[in-house]
C-alpha atoms as a PDB file:
ATOM      1  CA  MET A   1       0.000   0.000   0.000  1.00  0.00           C
ATOM      2  CA  PRO A   2       1.786   3.196  -1.162  1.00  0.00           C
ATOM      3  CA  TYR A   3       1.567   6.630   0.416  1.00  0.00           C
ATOM      4  CA  ILE A   4       3.119   9.432  -1.645  1.00  0.00           C
ATOM      5  CA  ALA A   5       3.523  13.167  -1.039  1.00  0.00           C
ATOM      6  CA  ALA A   6       4.850  15.227  -3.963  1.00  0.00           C
ATOM      7  CA  GLY A   7       8.166  16.870  -3.129  1.00  0.00           C
ATOM      8  CA  ILE A   8       8.337  14.993   0.202  1.00  0.00           C
ATOM      9  CA  GLY A   9       8.733  11.268  -0.423  1.00  0.00           C
ATOM     10  CA  ALA A  10       6.958   7.939  -0.323  1.00  0.00           C
ATOM     11  CA  VAL A  11       6.164   5.162   2.123  1.00  0.00           C
ATOM     12  CA  ALA A  12       5.035   1.652   1.198  1.00  0.00           C
ATOM     13  CA  THR A  13       3.833  -1.028   3.592  1.00  0.00           C
ATOM     14  CA  GLN A  14       2.937  -4.628   2.791  1.00  0.00           C
ATOM     15  CA  ALA A  15       2.719  -8.140   4.233  1.00  0.00           C
ATOM     16  CA  LEU A  16       0.353  -7.568   7.208  1.00  0.00           C
ATOM     17  CA  VAL A  17      -0.266  -3.907   6.391  1.00  0.00           C
ATOM     18  CA  ASN A  18      -0.345  -1.214   9.038  1.00  0.00           C
ATOM     19  CA  PRO A  19      -1.921   1.797   7.258  1.00  0.00           C
ATOM     20  CA  TYR A  20      -0.608   4.124   9.955  1.00  0.00           C
ATOM     21  CA  PHE A  21       2.911   3.384   8.721  1.00  0.00           C
ATOM     22  CA  GLY A  22       2.005   5.302   5.569  1.00  0.00           C
ATOM     23  CA  ILE A  23       0.049   8.093   7.223  1.00  0.00           C
ATOM     24  CA  ASP A  24       2.552   8.684  10.017  1.00  0.00           C
ATOM     25  CA  GLY A  25       5.563   7.982   7.803  1.00  0.00           C
ATOM     26  CA  VAL A  26       4.697  10.769   5.365  1.00  0.00           C
ATOM     27  CA  LYS A  27       4.144  13.098   8.320  1.00  0.00           C
ATOM     28  CA  LEU A  28       7.623  12.259   9.665  1.00  0.00           C
ATOM     29  CA  LEU A  29       9.157  12.863   6.221  1.00  0.00           C
ATOM     30  CA  ARG A  30       7.432  16.281   6.120  1.00  0.00           C
ATOM     31  CA  GLU A  31       9.135  17.044   9.452  1.00  0.00           C
ATOM     32  CA  GLY A  32      12.509  16.379   7.817  1.00  0.00           C
ATOM     33  CA  ARG A  33      13.239  12.953   9.280  1.00  0.00           C
ATOM     34  CA  SER A  34      15.505  10.637   7.298  1.00  0.00           C
ATOM     35  CA  PRO A  35      14.064   7.382   5.921  1.00  0.00           C
ATOM     36  CA  GLY A  36      15.992   5.400   8.555  1.00  0.00           C
ATOM     37  CA  GLU A  37      14.612   7.561  11.344  1.00  0.00           C
ATOM     38  CA  VAL A  38      11.101   7.138   9.953  1.00  0.00           C
ATOM     39  CA  ILE A  39      11.398   3.350  10.000  1.00  0.00           C
ATOM     40  CA  ASP A  40      12.949   3.269  13.460  1.00  0.00           C
ATOM     41  CA  THR A  41      10.161   5.480  14.844  1.00  0.00           C
ATOM     42  CA  LEU A  42       7.324   3.542  13.214  1.00  0.00           C
ATOM     43  CA  ILE A  43       8.444   0.008  14.058  1.00  0.00           C
ATOM     44  CA  ALA A  44       9.354   0.922  17.648  1.00  0.00           C
ATOM     45  CA  ALA A  45       5.701   1.734  18.348  1.00  0.00           C
ATOM     46  CA  ASP A  46       4.201  -1.334  16.592  1.00  0.00           C
ATOM     47  CA  ASP A  47       3.902  -4.674  18.391  1.00  0.00           C
ATOM     48  CA  GLY A  48       3.072  -6.356  15.039  1.00  0.00           C
ATOM     49  CA  ARG A  49       6.231  -5.077  13.295  1.00  0.00           C
ATOM     50  CA  GLU A  50       7.706  -8.554  12.777  1.00  0.00           C
ATOM     51  CA  SER A  51       4.821  -9.402  10.403  1.00  0.00           C
ATOM     52  CA  ARG A  52       5.209  -6.269   8.281  1.00  0.00           C
ATOM     53  CA  GLN A  53       7.310  -4.807   5.510  1.00  0.00           C
ATOM     54  CA  LEU A  54       8.047  -1.097   5.252  1.00  0.00           C
ATOM     55  CA  HIS A  55       9.931   0.961   2.679  1.00  0.00           C
ATOM     56  CA  VAL A  56      10.622   4.682   2.799  1.00  0.00           C
ATOM     57  CA  MET A  57      12.134   7.024   0.196  1.00  0.00           C
ATOM     58  CA  ASP A  58      12.643  10.726   0.767  1.00  0.00           C
ATOM     59  CA  ARG A  59      12.697  13.578  -1.772  1.00  0.00           C
ATOM     60  CA  ASN A  60      16.459  13.093  -2.221  1.00  0.00           C
ATOM     61  CA  GLY A  61      16.134   9.411  -3.176  1.00  0.00           C
ATOM     62  CA  ARG A  62      17.483   8.104   0.133  1.00  0.00           C
ATOM     63  CA  ILE A  63      16.028   4.689   0.979  1.00  0.00           C
ATOM     64  CA  ALA A  64      15.406   2.628   4.097  1.00  0.00           C
ATOM     65  CA  ALA A  65      13.603  -0.702   4.332  1.00  0.00           C
ATOM     66  CA  PHE A  66      12.439  -3.191   6.940  1.00  0.00           C
ATOM     67  CA  THR A  67      11.154  -6.755   6.617  1.00  0.00           C
ATOM     68  CA  GLY A  68       9.930  -8.376   9.820  1.00  0.00           C
ATOM     69  CA  ARG A  69      11.201 -11.858  10.612  1.00  0.00           C
ATOM     70  CA  ASP A  70       7.661 -13.308  10.862  1.00  0.00           C
ATOM     71  CA  CYS A  71       6.478 -12.330   7.364  1.00  0.00           C
ATOM     72  CA  VAL A  72       5.161 -15.184   5.239  1.00  0.00           C
ATOM     73  CA  ASP A  73       7.922 -17.234   3.526  1.00  0.00           C
ATOM     74  CA  TRP A  74       9.661 -16.332   1.249  1.00  0.00           C
ATOM     75  CA  CYS A  75      10.022 -12.646   2.120  1.00  0.00           C
ATOM     76  CA  GLY A  76      12.673 -10.006   1.912  1.00  0.00           C
ATOM     77  CA  HIS A  77      13.768  -6.730   0.404  1.00  0.00           C
ATOM     78  CA  PHE A  78      16.524  -5.192  -1.660  1.00  0.00           C
ATOM     79  CA  GLU A  79      17.649  -1.567  -1.573  1.00  0.00           C
ATOM     80  CA  GLY A  80      19.517   0.115  -4.402  1.00  0.00           C
ATOM     81  CA  GLU A  81      20.435   3.597  -5.568  1.00  0.00           C
ATOM     82  CA  GLY A  82      17.050   5.378  -5.700  1.00  0.00           C
ATOM     83  CA  PHE A  83      14.868   2.253  -5.471  1.00  0.00           C
ATOM     84  CA  SER A  84      13.608  -0.388  -3.104  1.00  0.00           C
ATOM     85  CA  ILE A  85      11.996  -3.771  -3.864  1.00  0.00           C
ATOM     86  CA  ALA A  86      10.030  -5.933  -1.433  1.00  0.00           C
ATOM     87  CA  GLY A  87       8.347  -9.276  -1.695  1.00  0.00           C
ATOM     88  CA  ASN A  88       6.568 -11.840   0.430  1.00  0.00           C
ATOM     89  CA  MET A  89       4.811 -15.110  -0.304  1.00  0.00           C
ATOM     90  CA  LEU A  90       7.382 -15.727  -3.049  1.00  0.00           C
ATOM     91  CA  ALA A  91       9.026 -18.992  -4.037  1.00  0.00           C
ATOM     92  CA  GLY A  92      12.529 -17.670  -3.434  1.00  0.00           C
END
């Protein structure tokens, strides 16, 4: 589920989605937080974090990603220069 704010950045959450990750994540980006800070803040407050995936990109293309250890097999993510890819329920 993507959440995008023009000129600010984007947040995507999947696996067992927490829609507040998107809502609150964009708010934190607007406040000038880095993608890593956004992820750290959001997952710290969520008891279900280990069943979620979260990706954040700011207006400068900086990326941070999180895949909880209890997401459905196979799951994971890959971060690159200006992009982030996530998957779950994949063969491998």
